Amino acid sequence: MKAEYKNTYQINYTEVDQNLKLRLIEAIIFHQNMATEYFESFESDNVVLKEQNNAAWVVSKTKVHFNKYPTWGDKIYGRSYTTKVKPIRVEMETIFRNAEGELLFCTKQESCPIDLVTRKIRKIDTVNYPSDMETEKNIIQEPFLKLNEKFSENDFVYEQKVFSSDIDFSRHTNNASYVRYIMNTVSCEFLDNNQITDFEIHYINESKEGQILKIYKKEEQNVMEFLIKEGEREIIRASFNYDMK
């Protein structure tokens, strides 16, 4: 089965930063919406999996590379497709181009189905997913990072409570909320003088409404690494590279 999904968006004022460039969190949201609608196009979205398989897709890793940032008023043209299918995970990409066909940014995502009762990973062939899904070659050739940096309490930045507005259909903290928590650790001055070129986030454990998360950050040689914990549980790890403007 050959499947792809396309959509066009216009960058709105509420989606840009103080320099009128698309924010990282909005880039993640564009990708998240595209990925959801892509799975919906072949009846494998979370609504279907919940009803038919008592399961749900969870994202385990996402990588984003920026070639050029779109700005307020720009139109972007997205395309999603599958790049790899393994027994317990699916890998896909979404690419965004401008009207001239120039690559703006692209994302690579790894997802797994989990059982809604046990919260354990299910095999792909136990949920509603095409057994003959065709794959395409990756645009992002680099493998996912290890993200195994050690953090101490000296790297602690702030605490964040998970509110109901952070919770999605799967009844856990939405992926985009973690990106917001991360970006709250950098200043407007940093964004004025630097541009994020690559971002990667690994979703290790779930968090839920009411829990208190601790956000940690380390910086070295144009790289920032992040850890979010709930108690002693690691929730996410993330990293971004940046260049001076």
Protein backbone atom coordinates (compact mmCIF):
# COMPACT_ATOMS: atom_id res chain seq x y z
CA MET A 1 0.00 0.00 0.00
CA LYS A 2 1.40 3.39 -1.02
CA ALA A 3 0.19 6.13 1.30
CA GLU A 4 1.01 9.80 1.63
CA TYR A 5 -0.73 12.85 3.01
CA LYS A 6 -0.45 16.46 1.87
CA ASN A 7 -1.72 19.70 3.36
CA THR A 8 -1.08 23.42 3.02
CA TYR A 9 -0.88 25.91 5.88
CA GLN A 10 -0.40 29.63 6.26
CA ILE A 11 1.81 30.90 9.07
CA ASN A 12 -0.36 32.95 11.43
CA TYR A 13 0.70 35.76 13.75
CA THR A 14 0.12 33.60 16.84
CA GLU A 15 2.58 30.99 15.51
CA VAL A 16 5.66 33.21 15.21
CA ASP A 17 8.22 34.53 17.67
CA GLN A 18 9.36 38.09 18.35
CA ASN A 19 11.26 38.03 15.04
CA LEU A 20 8.15 36.90 13.09
CA LYS A 21 9.72 33.48 12.44
CA LEU A 22 7.91 30.20 13.05
CA ARG A 23 8.43 29.01 16.63
CA LEU A 24 9.86 25.55 17.32
CA ILE A 25 6.73 24.47 19.19
CA GLU A 26 4.54 25.45 16.23
CA ALA A 27 6.78 23.46 13.86
CA ILE A 28 6.23 20.45 16.13
CA ILE A 29 2.47 21.09 16.14
CA PHE A 30 2.37 21.31 12.32
CA HIS A 31 4.19 17.98 12.17
CA GLN A 32 1.96 16.45 14.86
CA ASN A 33 -1.19 17.47 13.00
CA MET A 34 0.19 16.18 9.69
CA ALA A 35 1.19 12.86 11.25
CA THR A 36 -2.23 12.43 12.87
CA GLU A 37 -4.07 13.21 9.65
CA TYR A 38 -1.71 10.92 7.73
CA PHE A 39 -2.57 7.97 9.99
CA GLU A 40 -6.24 8.94 9.77
CA SER A 41 -6.05 8.73 5.96
CA PHE A 42 -5.56 4.95 6.14
CA GLU A 43 -7.76 4.43 9.23
CA SER A 44 -5.00 3.91 11.76
CA ASP A 45 -5.41 7.02 13.91
CA ASN A 46 -5.89 6.86 17.69
CA VAL A 47 -9.67 7.13 17.51
CA VAL A 48 -9.78 3.98 15.36
CA LEU A 49 -7.17 2.13 17.44
CA LYS A 50 -9.00 2.91 20.66
CA GLU A 51 -12.34 1.68 19.30
CA GLN A 52 -11.07 -1.39 17.42
CA ASN A 53 -7.90 -2.46 19.26
CA ASN A 54 -8.05 -0.82 22.70
CA ALA A 55 -4.68 0.69 21.80
CA ALA A 56 -3.12 4.02 20.90
CA TRP A 57 -0.08 5.28 19.03
CA VAL A 58 2.56 6.99 21.17
CA VAL A 59 5.51 8.88 19.76
CA SER A 60 8.85 7.63 21.09
CA LYS A 61 11.23 9.95 19.20
CA THR A 62 11.06 13.04 16.98
CA LYS A 63 13.87 14.76 15.10
CA VAL A 64 13.52 18.12 13.31
CA HIS A 65 15.94 19.79 10.91
CA PHE A 66 15.52 23.40 9.76
CA ASN A 67 16.91 24.63 6.44
CA LYS A 68 15.02 27.92 6.48
CA TYR A 69 12.38 29.31 8.83
CA PRO A 70 9.06 30.42 7.34
CA THR A 71 7.77 33.77 8.53
CA TRP A 72 4.42 35.37 9.25
CA GLY A 73 2.09 35.13 6.25
CA ASP A 74 4.11 32.49 4.39
CA LYS A 75 2.39 29.42 2.98
CA ILE A 76 4.00 26.05 3.66
CA TYR A 77 3.28 22.80 1.85
CA GLY A 78 3.56 19.59 3.89
CA ARG A 79 3.87 15.96 2.84
CA SER A 80 3.93 12.90 5.15
CA TYR A 81 4.99 9.34 4.27
CA THR A 82 6.32 6.14 5.88
CA THR A 83 10.04 5.33 5.82
CA LYS A 84 10.31 2.17 7.94
CA VAL A 85 8.03 -0.46 9.50
CA LYS A 86 9.39 -2.75 12.22
CA PRO A 87 7.53 -5.32 14.41
CA ILE A 88 6.84 -2.82 17.20
CA ARG A 89 7.47 0.61 15.65
CA VAL A 90 6.79 2.73 12.61
CA GLU A 91 9.05 5.49 11.32
CA MET A 92 7.72 8.34 9.19
CA GLU A 93 8.78 11.72 7.88
CA THR A 94 7.04 14.99 7.14
CA ILE A 95 8.63 17.60 4.89
CA PHE A 96 7.57 21.23 4.54
CA ARG A 97 8.40 23.32 1.46
CA ASN A 98 7.59 26.83 0.30
CA ALA A 99 5.71 27.76 -2.89
CA GLU A 100 8.96 27.56 -4.87
CA GLY A 101 9.58 23.99 -3.71
CA GLU A 102 12.46 24.93 -1.42
CA LEU A 103 12.81 22.68 1.64
CA LEU A 104 12.04 24.66 4.81
CA PHE A 105 12.10 22.01 7.53
CA CYS A 106 11.61 18.27 7.86
CA THR A 107 10.75 15.91 10.69
CA LYS A 108 11.43 12.26 11.44
CA GLN A 109 9.22 10.40 13.90
CA GLU A 110 9.20 6.96 15.52
CA SER A 111 5.91 5.67 16.94
CA CYS A 112 4.77 2.54 18.79
CA PRO A 113 1.29 1.23 19.64
CA ILE A 114 0.58 0.74 23.34
CA ASP A 115 -2.20 -1.19 25.03
CA LEU A 116 -4.63 1.15 26.80
CA VAL A 117 -5.07 -1.24 29.74
CA THR A 118 -1.53 -2.47 30.41
CA ARG A 119 0.21 0.62 28.89
CA LYS A 120 2.72 -1.82 27.37
CA ILE A 121 3.95 -1.78 23.78
CA ARG A 122 1.94 -3.84 21.30
CA LYS A 123 3.16 -5.39 18.04
CA ILE A 124 2.15 -3.56 14.87
CA ASP A 125 0.29 -6.61 13.54
CA THR A 126 -2.07 -6.53 16.56
CA VAL A 127 -3.51 -3.12 15.63
CA ASN A 128 -5.24 -1.66 12.61
CA TYR A 129 -2.23 -0.86 10.41
CA PRO A 130 -1.73 -1.84 6.73
CA SER A 131 0.34 -5.00 6.42
CA ASP A 132 1.53 -3.97 2.95
CA MET A 133 2.57 -0.39 3.69
CA GLU A 134 5.18 0.84 1.21
CA THR A 135 8.13 2.87 2.41
CA GLU A 136 10.19 5.71 0.96
CA LYS A 137 13.80 6.75 1.44
CA ASN A 138 14.59 9.04 4.37
CA ILE A 139 15.26 12.73 3.80
CA ILE A 140 16.87 12.83 7.26
CA GLN A 141 19.68 10.30 6.96
CA GLU A 142 21.13 10.80 10.44
CA PRO A 143 20.05 8.22 13.06
CA PHE A 144 18.37 9.30 16.26
CA LEU A 145 20.77 10.52 18.95
CA LYS A 146 21.62 8.59 22.12
CA LEU A 147 20.77 11.49 24.50
CA ASN A 148 22.48 9.97 27.54
CA GLU A 149 23.96 13.12 29.10
CA LYS A 150 24.25 13.04 32.91
CA PHE A 151 22.44 15.80 34.82
CA SER A 152 22.79 17.00 38.40
CA GLU A 153 20.75 19.33 40.59
CA ASN A 154 23.11 22.10 39.48
CA ASP A 155 21.41 21.82 36.07
CA PHE A 156 17.89 22.27 37.47
CA VAL A 157 16.02 25.22 35.93
CA TYR A 158 12.40 25.18 37.14
CA GLU A 159 9.34 23.10 38.09
CA GLN A 160 6.24 22.79 35.93
CA LYS A 161 2.85 21.45 36.98
CA VAL A 162 0.91 19.52 34.34
CA PHE A 163 -2.49 21.15 33.84
CA SER A 164 -5.63 19.93 32.06
CA SER A 165 -4.76 22.12 29.05
CA ASP A 166 -1.64 19.95 28.56
CA ILE A 167 -3.60 16.68 28.29
CA ASP A 168 -4.54 15.14 24.94
CA PHE A 169 -6.84 12.36 23.68
CA SER A 170 -4.50 9.68 25.06
CA ARG A 171 -5.01 11.14 28.57
CA HIS A 172 -1.34 12.05 28.99
CA THR A 173 0.73 15.20 28.49
CA ASN A 174 0.74 16.19 24.83
CA ASN A 175 4.10 16.04 23.09
CA ALA A 176 4.01 19.73 22.19
CA SER A 177 3.69 20.73 25.86
CA TYR A 178 7.13 19.30 26.58
CA VAL A 179 8.59 21.46 23.80
CA ARG A 180 6.97 24.50 25.44
CA TYR A 181 8.50 23.56 28.80
CA ILE A 182 11.92 23.29 27.11
CA MET A 183 11.64 26.58 25.25
CA ASN A 184 10.65 28.33 28.48
CA THR A 185 14.29 27.83 29.57
CA VAL A 186 15.69 30.10 26.83
CA SER A 187 15.39 33.88 26.63
CA CYS A 188 14.19 36.28 23.95
CA GLU A 189 17.76 37.58 23.81
CA PHE A 190 18.98 34.07 22.96
CA LEU A 191 16.40 33.81 20.15
CA ASP A 192 17.37 37.26 18.85
CA ASN A 193 20.98 36.18 18.45
CA ASN A 194 20.74 32.46 17.63
CA GLN A 195 18.77 30.11 15.42
CA ILE A 196 17.92 26.48 16.21
CA THR A 197 19.02 24.23 13.35
CA ASP A 198 18.22 20.78 14.73
CA PHE A 199 15.97 19.54 17.52
CA GLU A 200 15.42 16.05 18.87
CA ILE A 201 13.19 14.79 21.66
CA HIS A 202 12.75 11.30 23.13
CA TYR A 203 9.54 10.46 25.02
CA ILE A 204 10.56 7.97 27.70
CA ASN A 205 7.60 7.85 30.11
CA GLU A 206 4.15 9.39 30.32
CA SER A 207 3.13 12.20 32.64
CA LYS A 208 -0.39 13.13 33.66
CA GLU A 209 -2.50 15.98 34.99
CA GLY A 210 -1.43 17.26 38.41
CA GLN A 211 2.09 15.86 38.35
CA ILE A 212 5.05 18.17 39.04
CA LEU A 213 7.85 18.01 36.48
CA LYS A 214 11.41 19.19 36.99
CA ILE A 215 13.22 20.66 33.97
CA TYR A 216 17.02 20.46 33.65
CA LYS A 217 19.31 22.07 31.07
CA LYS A 218 23.00 21.84 30.08
CA GLU A 219 24.78 23.87 27.42
CA GLU A 220 28.08 23.30 25.64
CA GLN A 221 29.46 24.32 22.24
CA ASN A 222 26.25 25.42 20.52
CA VAL A 223 24.27 22.48 21.91
CA MET A 224 21.66 22.50 24.66
CA GLU A 225 20.50 19.26 26.26
CA PHE A 226 17.42 18.83 28.41
CA LEU A 227 15.95 16.36 30.88
CA ILE A 228 12.44 16.42 32.32
CA LYS A 229 11.72 14.24 35.36
CA GLU A 230 8.74 13.44 37.56
CA GLY A 231 10.25 12.41 40.87
CA GLU A 232 13.02 9.98 39.92
CA ARG A 233 11.31 8.94 36.66
CA GLU A 234 12.75 10.31 33.44
CA ILE A 235 9.92 11.64 31.27
CA ILE A 236 11.74 13.12 28.28
CA ARG A 237 15.22 13.87 27.03
CA ALA A 238 15.86 16.43 24.31
CA SER A 239 18.59 18.35 22.56
CA PHE A 240 18.95 21.18 20.08
CA ASN A 241 21.82 22.60 18.05
CA TYR A 242 21.95 26.29 17.26
CA ASP A 243 23.98 28.75 15.19
CA MET A 244 24.62 32.42 15.72
CA LYS A 245 22.64 34.61 13.32
